[in-house]
Amino acid sequence: MNNGSRIIVYVCGPVLFLRAAVLGLRKFGVEQDKIHYEFFGPALNLEQN
């Protein structure tokens, strides 16, 4: 992603939304440490099945 080091993303929402959003951002080249998220609901790891 062009200028990827300048991008910081904050998202919040339910688990399924966040999982899709984070995976989509990663596919577009946003680095994991630039993606920040907060769940609506119980805290879980996005990478869990």
N, C-alpha and C. Protein backbone atom coordinates (compact mmCIF):
# COMPACT_ATOMS: atom_id res chain seq x y z
N MET A 1 0.85 -1.18 0.00
CA MET A 1 0.00 0.00 0.00
C MET A 1 0.89 1.24 0.00
N ASN A 2 0.59 2.17 -0.86
CA ASN A 2 1.34 3.42 -0.89
C ASN A 2 1.12 4.18 0.39
N ASN A 3 2.20 4.75 0.92
CA ASN A 3 2.13 5.54 2.15
C ASN A 3 1.57 4.73 3.32
N GLY A 4 1.75 3.42 3.29
CA GLY A 4 1.22 2.56 4.35
C GLY A 4 1.73 2.92 5.73
N SER A 5 2.94 3.45 5.82
CA SER A 5 3.49 3.79 7.12
C SER A 5 2.80 5.00 7.74
N ARG A 6 2.05 5.76 6.93
CA ARG A 6 1.36 6.95 7.43
C ARG A 6 -0.08 6.66 7.82
N ILE A 7 -0.55 5.46 7.58
CA ILE A 7 -1.94 5.13 7.83
C ILE A 7 -2.10 4.52 9.22
N ILE A 8 -3.06 5.02 9.96
CA ILE A 8 -3.47 4.43 11.24
C ILE A 8 -4.98 4.29 11.17
N VAL A 9 -5.48 3.10 11.48
CA VAL A 9 -6.90 2.81 11.35
C VAL A 9 -7.48 2.45 12.71
N TYR A 10 -8.63 3.02 13.03
CA TYR A 10 -9.38 2.69 14.24
C TYR A 10 -10.76 2.23 13.82
N VAL A 11 -11.16 1.03 14.26
CA VAL A 11 -12.50 0.53 13.96
C VAL A 11 -13.11 -0.04 15.23
N CYS A 12 -14.42 0.00 15.30
CA CYS A 12 -15.12 -0.64 16.41
C CYS A 12 -16.40 -1.24 15.88
N GLY A 13 -16.85 -2.30 16.54
CA GLY A 13 -18.06 -2.97 16.11
C GLY A 13 -18.12 -4.39 16.62
N PRO A 14 -19.08 -5.16 16.13
CA PRO A 14 -19.21 -6.54 16.55
C PRO A 14 -18.12 -7.41 15.92
N VAL A 15 -17.93 -8.59 16.47
CA VAL A 15 -16.82 -9.47 16.09
C VAL A 15 -16.76 -9.75 14.59
N LEU A 16 -17.87 -10.14 13.97
CA LEU A 16 -17.82 -10.49 12.55
C LEU A 16 -17.44 -9.30 11.68
N PHE A 17 -17.93 -8.12 12.01
CA PHE A 17 -17.57 -6.91 11.28
C PHE A 17 -16.08 -6.64 11.43
N LEU A 18 -15.57 -6.69 12.66
CA LEU A 18 -14.16 -6.41 12.89
C LEU A 18 -13.26 -7.41 12.20
N ARG A 19 -13.63 -8.66 12.24
CA ARG A 19 -12.82 -9.69 11.58
C ARG A 19 -12.70 -9.38 10.09
N ALA A 20 -13.83 -9.07 9.45
CA ALA A 20 -13.82 -8.74 8.03
C ALA A 20 -13.04 -7.45 7.76
N ALA A 21 -13.22 -6.46 8.59
CA ALA A 21 -12.53 -5.18 8.40
C ALA A 21 -11.03 -5.34 8.53
N VAL A 22 -10.59 -6.02 9.58
CA VAL A 22 -9.16 -6.19 9.82
C VAL A 22 -8.53 -7.04 8.71
N LEU A 23 -9.18 -8.13 8.34
CA LEU A 23 -8.64 -8.97 7.27
C LEU A 23 -8.56 -8.19 5.95
N GLY A 24 -9.58 -7.40 5.66
CA GLY A 24 -9.56 -6.57 4.45
C GLY A 24 -8.45 -5.55 4.47
N LEU A 25 -8.27 -4.89 5.60
CA LEU A 25 -7.19 -3.91 5.72
C LEU A 25 -5.82 -4.57 5.53
N ARG A 26 -5.64 -5.75 6.11
CA ARG A 26 -4.37 -6.48 5.96
C ARG A 26 -4.14 -6.85 4.50
N LYS A 27 -5.19 -7.26 3.79
CA LYS A 27 -5.05 -7.59 2.36
C LYS A 27 -4.63 -6.38 1.54
N PHE A 28 -5.05 -5.19 1.97
CA PHE A 28 -4.68 -3.97 1.28
C PHE A 28 -3.31 -3.46 1.70
N GLY A 29 -2.66 -4.18 2.61
CA GLY A 29 -1.29 -3.83 2.98
C GLY A 29 -1.12 -2.98 4.21
N VAL A 30 -2.20 -2.77 4.97
CA VAL A 30 -2.06 -2.01 6.21
C VAL A 30 -1.39 -2.91 7.24
N GLU A 31 -0.33 -2.41 7.85
CA GLU A 31 0.42 -3.19 8.82
C GLU A 31 -0.42 -3.42 10.08
N GLN A 32 -0.25 -4.61 10.67
CA GLN A 32 -1.04 -4.99 11.85
C GLN A 32 -0.94 -3.97 12.98
N ASP A 33 0.26 -3.44 13.20
CA ASP A 33 0.44 -2.48 14.30
C ASP A 33 -0.19 -1.12 14.02
N LYS A 34 -0.72 -0.92 12.82
CA LYS A 34 -1.41 0.33 12.47
C LYS A 34 -2.93 0.18 12.57
N ILE A 35 -3.39 -1.04 12.90
CA ILE A 35 -4.82 -1.31 12.99
C ILE A 35 -5.20 -1.43 14.47
N HIS A 36 -6.10 -0.60 14.89
CA HIS A 36 -6.57 -0.61 16.28
C HIS A 36 -8.07 -0.86 16.27
N TYR A 37 -8.54 -1.70 17.19
CA TYR A 37 -9.96 -2.03 17.18
C TYR A 37 -10.50 -2.20 18.59
N GLU A 38 -11.81 -2.05 18.69
CA GLU A 38 -12.50 -2.27 19.95
C GLU A 38 -13.80 -2.99 19.65
N PHE A 39 -14.06 -4.02 20.43
CA PHE A 39 -15.26 -4.84 20.24
C PHE A 39 -16.48 -4.21 20.89
N PHE A 40 -17.63 -4.43 20.28
CA PHE A 40 -18.91 -4.25 20.95
C PHE A 40 -19.28 -5.64 21.42
N GLY A 41 -19.17 -5.91 22.66
CA GLY A 41 -19.43 -7.24 23.18
C GLY A 41 -18.21 -7.78 23.89
N PRO A 42 -18.19 -9.07 24.18
CA PRO A 42 -17.06 -9.64 24.92
C PRO A 42 -15.76 -9.57 24.13
N ALA A 43 -14.67 -9.32 24.82
CA ALA A 43 -13.36 -9.24 24.17
C ALA A 43 -12.88 -10.62 23.75
N LEU A 44 -12.58 -10.76 22.48
CA LEU A 44 -12.06 -12.00 21.92
C LEU A 44 -10.90 -11.65 20.98
N ASN A 45 -10.12 -12.64 20.67
CA ASN A 45 -9.07 -12.46 19.69
C ASN A 45 -9.67 -12.60 18.30
N LEU A 46 -9.42 -11.67 17.39
CA LEU A 46 -10.00 -11.70 16.05
C LEU A 46 -9.57 -12.92 15.25
N GLU A 47 -8.44 -13.51 15.58
CA GLU A 47 -7.93 -14.63 14.82
C GLU A 47 -8.50 -15.97 15.29
N GLN A 48 -9.29 -15.98 16.35
CA GLN A 48 -9.91 -17.23 16.81
C GLN A 48 -11.02 -17.62 15.89
N ASN A 49 -11.27 -18.91 15.79
CA ASN A 49 -12.38 -19.42 14.96
C ASN A 49 -13.67 -19.41 15.72
